[in-house]
Amino acid sequence: MVSHENEVMILLGVAAVILLVSVSSFTNLPTWITIALVVVVGVLIPQFISRERE
């Protein structure tokens, strides 16, 4: 059985990849903004959620 923390990390990791592909394909945003969005969704938000559960 997968823990709640792992479920959140997997879900937001997949969301970050989908966000990366869609933002880089459909918008003309600078690369640094795209990378910042992926880091926030894929790294920072899961960490904040896991710290709230402790």
PDB file of N, CA and C in Angstrom:
ATOM      1  N   MET A   1       0.837  -1.178   0.000  1.00  0.00           N
ATOM      2  CA  MET A   1       0.000   0.000   0.000  1.00  0.00           C
ATOM      3  C   MET A   1       0.883   1.243   0.000  1.00  0.00           C
ATOM      4  N   VAL A   2       0.508   2.214  -0.794  1.00  0.00           N
ATOM      5  CA  VAL A   2       1.268   3.450  -0.929  1.00  0.00           C
ATOM      6  C   VAL A   2       0.818   4.443   0.133  1.00  0.00           C
ATOM      7  N   SER A   3       1.792   5.097   0.780  1.00  0.00           N
ATOM      8  CA  SER A   3       1.443   6.065   1.822  1.00  0.00           C
ATOM      9  C   SER A   3       0.878   7.338   1.205  1.00  0.00           C
ATOM     10  N   HIS A   4       0.225   8.105   2.035  1.00  0.00           N
ATOM     11  CA  HIS A   4      -0.384   9.354   1.579  1.00  0.00           C
ATOM     12  C   HIS A   4       0.692  10.312   1.053  1.00  0.00           C
ATOM     13  N   GLU A   5       1.833  10.364   1.721  1.00  0.00           N
ATOM     14  CA  GLU A   5       2.917  11.254   1.299  1.00  0.00           C
ATOM     15  C   GLU A   5       3.421  10.873  -0.097  1.00  0.00           C
ATOM     16  N   ASN A   6       3.563   9.580  -0.343  1.00  0.00           N
ATOM     17  CA  ASN A   6       4.019   9.140  -1.663  1.00  0.00           C
ATOM     18  C   ASN A   6       2.973   9.421  -2.738  1.00  0.00           C
ATOM     19  N   GLU A   7       1.706   9.267  -2.401  1.00  0.00           N
ATOM     20  CA  GLU A   7       0.642   9.571  -3.359  1.00  0.00           C
ATOM     21  C   GLU A   7       0.689  11.040  -3.771  1.00  0.00           C
ATOM     22  N   VAL A   8       0.865  11.917  -2.798  1.00  0.00           N
ATOM     23  CA  VAL A   8       0.926  13.354  -3.078  1.00  0.00           C
ATOM     24  C   VAL A   8       2.132  13.671  -3.951  1.00  0.00           C
ATOM     25  N   MET A   9       3.282  13.095  -3.630  1.00  0.00           N
ATOM     26  CA  MET A   9       4.494  13.362  -4.415  1.00  0.00           C
ATOM     27  C   MET A   9       4.370  12.845  -5.838  1.00  0.00           C
ATOM     28  N   ILE A  10       3.803  11.665  -6.005  1.00  0.00           N
ATOM     29  CA  ILE A  10       3.621  11.115  -7.352  1.00  0.00           C
ATOM     30  C   ILE A  10       2.636  11.959  -8.146  1.00  0.00           C
ATOM     31  N   LEU A  11       1.522  12.322  -7.539  1.00  0.00           N
ATOM     32  CA  LEU A  11       0.514  13.126  -8.215  1.00  0.00           C
ATOM     33  C   LEU A  11       1.079  14.480  -8.651  1.00  0.00           C
ATOM     34  N   LEU A  12       1.768  15.158  -7.757  1.00  0.00           N
ATOM     35  CA  LEU A  12       2.313  16.469  -8.107  1.00  0.00           C
ATOM     36  C   LEU A  12       3.513  16.356  -9.046  1.00  0.00           C
ATOM     37  N   GLY A  13       4.238  15.251  -8.991  1.00  0.00           N
ATOM     38  CA  GLY A  13       5.311  15.028  -9.960  1.00  0.00           C
ATOM     39  C   GLY A  13       4.770  14.870 -11.366  1.00  0.00           C
ATOM     40  N   VAL A  14       3.697  14.096 -11.499  1.00  0.00           N
ATOM     41  CA  VAL A  14       3.050  13.934 -12.806  1.00  0.00           C
ATOM     42  C   VAL A  14       2.458  15.263 -13.268  1.00  0.00           C
ATOM     43  N   ALA A  15       1.861  15.998 -12.350  1.00  0.00           N
ATOM     44  CA  ALA A  15       1.307  17.307 -12.702  1.00  0.00           C
ATOM     45  C   ALA A  15       2.408  18.262 -13.163  1.00  0.00           C
ATOM     46  N   ALA A  16       3.580  18.185 -12.547  1.00  0.00           N
ATOM     47  CA  ALA A  16       4.694  19.047 -12.952  1.00  0.00           C
ATOM     48  C   ALA A  16       5.166  18.709 -14.355  1.00  0.00           C
ATOM     49  N   VAL A  17       5.216  17.420 -14.692  1.00  0.00           N
ATOM     50  CA  VAL A  17       5.640  17.028 -16.042  1.00  0.00           C
ATOM     51  C   VAL A  17       4.612  17.484 -17.074  1.00  0.00           C
ATOM     52  N   ILE A  18       3.339  17.295 -16.769  1.00  0.00           N
ATOM     53  CA  ILE A  18       2.284  17.744 -17.684  1.00  0.00           C
ATOM     54  C   ILE A  18       2.333  19.261 -17.836  1.00  0.00           C
ATOM     55  N   LEU A  19       2.555  19.968 -16.744  1.00  0.00           N
ATOM     56  CA  LEU A  19       2.682  21.419 -16.788  1.00  0.00           C
ATOM     57  C   LEU A  19       3.871  21.842 -17.636  1.00  0.00           C
ATOM     58  N   LEU A  20       4.996  21.161 -17.483  1.00  0.00           N
ATOM     59  CA  LEU A  20       6.183  21.484 -18.266  1.00  0.00           C
ATOM     60  C   LEU A  20       5.924  21.339 -19.757  1.00  0.00           C
ATOM     61  N   VAL A  21       5.326  20.224 -20.146  1.00  0.00           N
ATOM     62  CA  VAL A  21       5.064  19.987 -21.564  1.00  0.00           C
ATOM     63  C   VAL A  21       4.065  20.990 -22.112  1.00  0.00           C
ATOM     64  N   SER A  22       2.992  21.246 -21.379  1.00  0.00           N
ATOM     65  CA  SER A  22       1.964  22.142 -21.893  1.00  0.00           C
ATOM     66  C   SER A  22       2.437  23.597 -21.934  1.00  0.00           C
ATOM     67  N   VAL A  23       3.143  24.046 -20.914  1.00  0.00           N
ATOM     68  CA  VAL A  23       3.609  25.438 -20.907  1.00  0.00           C
ATOM     69  C   VAL A  23       4.661  25.653 -21.981  1.00  0.00           C
ATOM     70  N   SER A  24       5.572  24.701 -22.142  1.00  0.00           N
ATOM     71  CA  SER A  24       6.623  24.897 -23.146  1.00  0.00           C
ATOM     72  C   SER A  24       6.080  24.752 -24.566  1.00  0.00           C
ATOM     73  N   SER A  25       4.999  24.000 -24.743  1.00  0.00           N
ATOM     74  CA  SER A  25       4.448  23.808 -26.087  1.00  0.00           C
ATOM     75  C   SER A  25       3.472  24.895 -26.498  1.00  0.00           C
ATOM     76  N   PHE A  26       2.648  25.363 -25.575  1.00  0.00           N
ATOM     77  CA  PHE A  26       1.541  26.230 -25.941  1.00  0.00           C
ATOM     78  C   PHE A  26       1.721  27.697 -25.579  1.00  0.00           C
ATOM     79  N   THR A  27       2.804  28.048 -24.899  1.00  0.00           N
ATOM     80  CA  THR A  27       3.025  29.447 -24.542  1.00  0.00           C
ATOM     81  C   THR A  27       4.408  29.885 -24.999  1.00  0.00           C
ATOM     82  N   ASN A  28       4.640  31.161 -24.961  1.00  0.00           N
ATOM     83  CA  ASN A  28       5.936  31.725 -25.306  1.00  0.00           C
ATOM     84  C   ASN A  28       6.615  32.323 -24.077  1.00  0.00           C
ATOM     85  N   LEU A  29       6.382  31.723 -22.921  1.00  0.00           N
ATOM     86  CA  LEU A  29       6.998  32.213 -21.699  1.00  0.00           C
ATOM     87  C   LEU A  29       8.499  31.944 -21.723  1.00  0.00           C
ATOM     88  N   PRO A  30       9.264  32.789 -21.037  1.00  0.00           N
ATOM     89  CA  PRO A  30      10.703  32.518 -20.939  1.00  0.00           C
ATOM     90  C   PRO A  30      10.973  31.188 -20.230  1.00  0.00           C
ATOM     91  N   THR A  31      12.116  30.607 -20.518  1.00  0.00           N
ATOM     92  CA  THR A  31      12.473  29.303 -19.962  1.00  0.00           C
ATOM     93  C   THR A  31      12.534  29.338 -18.443  1.00  0.00           C
ATOM     94  N   TRP A  32      13.018  30.429 -17.868  1.00  0.00           N
ATOM     95  CA  TRP A  32      13.162  30.479 -16.415  1.00  0.00           C
ATOM     96  C   TRP A  32      11.807  30.443 -15.711  1.00  0.00           C
ATOM     97  N   ILE A  33      10.775  30.999 -16.326  1.00  0.00           N
ATOM     98  CA  ILE A  33       9.436  30.950 -15.728  1.00  0.00           C
ATOM     99  C   ILE A  33       8.901  29.523 -15.772  1.00  0.00           C
ATOM    100  N   THR A  34       9.109  28.836 -16.876  1.00  0.00           N
ATOM    101  CA  THR A  34       8.674  27.451 -16.997  1.00  0.00           C
ATOM    102  C   THR A  34       9.371  26.580 -15.954  1.00  0.00           C
ATOM    103  N   ILE A  35      10.668  26.757 -15.803  1.00  0.00           N
ATOM    104  CA  ILE A  35      11.409  25.976 -14.809  1.00  0.00           C
ATOM    105  C   ILE A  35      10.933  26.304 -13.398  1.00  0.00           C
ATOM    106  N   ALA A  36      10.677  27.575 -13.130  1.00  0.00           N
ATOM    107  CA  ALA A  36      10.193  27.979 -11.805  1.00  0.00           C
ATOM    108  C   ALA A  36       8.837  27.346 -11.498  1.00  0.00           C
ATOM    109  N   LEU A  37       7.942  27.305 -12.474  1.00  0.00           N
ATOM    110  CA  LEU A  37       6.632  26.667 -12.271  1.00  0.00           C
ATOM    111  C   LEU A  37       6.783  25.186 -11.950  1.00  0.00           C
ATOM    112  N   VAL A  38       7.645  24.517 -12.676  1.00  0.00           N
ATOM    113  CA  VAL A  38       7.848  23.085 -12.451  1.00  0.00           C
ATOM    114  C   VAL A  38       8.460  22.830 -11.074  1.00  0.00           C
ATOM    115  N   VAL A  39       9.400  23.654 -10.668  1.00  0.00           N
ATOM    116  CA  VAL A  39      10.025  23.485  -9.352  1.00  0.00           C
ATOM    117  C   VAL A  39       9.002  23.721  -8.242  1.00  0.00           C
ATOM    118  N   VAL A  40       8.171  24.737  -8.398  1.00  0.00           N
ATOM    119  CA  VAL A  40       7.157  25.020  -7.370  1.00  0.00           C
ATOM    120  C   VAL A  40       6.164  23.872  -7.266  1.00  0.00           C
ATOM    121  N   VAL A  41       5.654  23.404  -8.400  1.00  0.00           N
ATOM    122  CA  VAL A  41       4.638  22.346  -8.378  1.00  0.00           C
ATOM    123  C   VAL A  41       5.246  20.988  -8.020  1.00  0.00           C
ATOM    124  N   GLY A  42       6.429  20.692  -8.531  1.00  0.00           N
ATOM    125  CA  GLY A  42       6.998  19.365  -8.347  1.00  0.00           C
ATOM    126  C   GLY A  42       7.840  19.182  -7.110  1.00  0.00           C
ATOM    127  N   VAL A  43       8.334  20.288  -6.514  1.00  0.00           N
ATOM    128  CA  VAL A  43       9.234  20.159  -5.372  1.00  0.00           C
ATOM    129  C   VAL A  43       8.696  20.868  -4.127  1.00  0.00           C
ATOM    130  N   LEU A  44       8.378  22.145  -4.263  1.00  0.00           N
ATOM    131  CA  LEU A  44       8.032  22.923  -3.080  1.00  0.00           C
ATOM    132  C   LEU A  44       6.674  22.566  -2.489  1.00  0.00           C
ATOM    133  N   ILE A  45       5.661  22.449  -3.323  1.00  0.00           N
ATOM    134  CA  ILE A  45       4.318  22.137  -2.813  1.00  0.00           C
ATOM    135  C   ILE A  45       4.276  20.771  -2.113  1.00  0.00           C
ATOM    136  N   PRO A  46       4.883  19.698  -2.686  1.00  0.00           N
ATOM    137  CA  PRO A  46       4.887  18.434  -1.942  1.00  0.00           C
ATOM    138  C   PRO A  46       5.603  18.525  -0.593  1.00  0.00           C
ATOM    139  N   GLN A  47       6.676  19.310  -0.519  1.00  0.00           N
ATOM    140  CA  GLN A  47       7.371  19.463   0.759  1.00  0.00           C
ATOM    141  C   GLN A  47       6.503  20.174   1.783  1.00  0.00           C
ATOM    142  N   PHE A  48       5.803  21.220   1.370  1.00  0.00           N
ATOM    143  CA  PHE A  48       4.926  21.928   2.299  1.00  0.00           C
ATOM    144  C   PHE A  48       3.780  21.035   2.757  1.00  0.00           C
ATOM    145  N   ILE A  49       3.230  20.242   1.859  1.00  0.00           N
ATOM    146  CA  ILE A  49       2.144  19.342   2.234  1.00  0.00           C
ATOM    147  C   ILE A  49       2.630  18.274   3.213  1.00  0.00           C
ATOM    148  N   SER A  50       3.815  17.722   2.974  1.00  0.00           N
ATOM    149  CA  SER A  50       4.320  16.679   3.867  1.00  0.00           C
ATOM    150  C   SER A  50       4.670  17.244   5.235  1.00  0.00           C
ATOM    151  N   ARG A  51       5.119  18.496   5.289  1.00  0.00           N
ATOM    152  CA  ARG A  51       5.421  19.104   6.602  1.00  0.00           C
ATOM    153  C   ARG A  51       4.147  19.415   7.370  1.00  0.00           C
ATOM    154  N   GLU A  52       3.067  19.722   6.675  1.00  0.00           N
ATOM    155  CA  GLU A  52       1.787  19.996   7.343  1.00  0.00           C
ATOM    156  C   GLU A  52       1.226  18.725   7.991  1.00  0.00           C
ATOM    157  N   ARG A  53       1.512  17.566   7.403  1.00  0.00           N
ATOM    158  CA  ARG A  53       0.993  16.305   7.923  1.00  0.00           C
ATOM    159  C   ARG A  53       1.721  15.827   9.169  1.00  0.00           C
ATOM    160  N   GLU A  54       2.928  16.348   9.429  1.00  0.00           N
ATOM    161  CA  GLU A  54       3.717  15.887  10.583  1.00  0.00           C
ATOM    162  C   GLU A  54       3.204  16.414  11.877  1.00  0.00           C
TER     163      GLU A  54
END
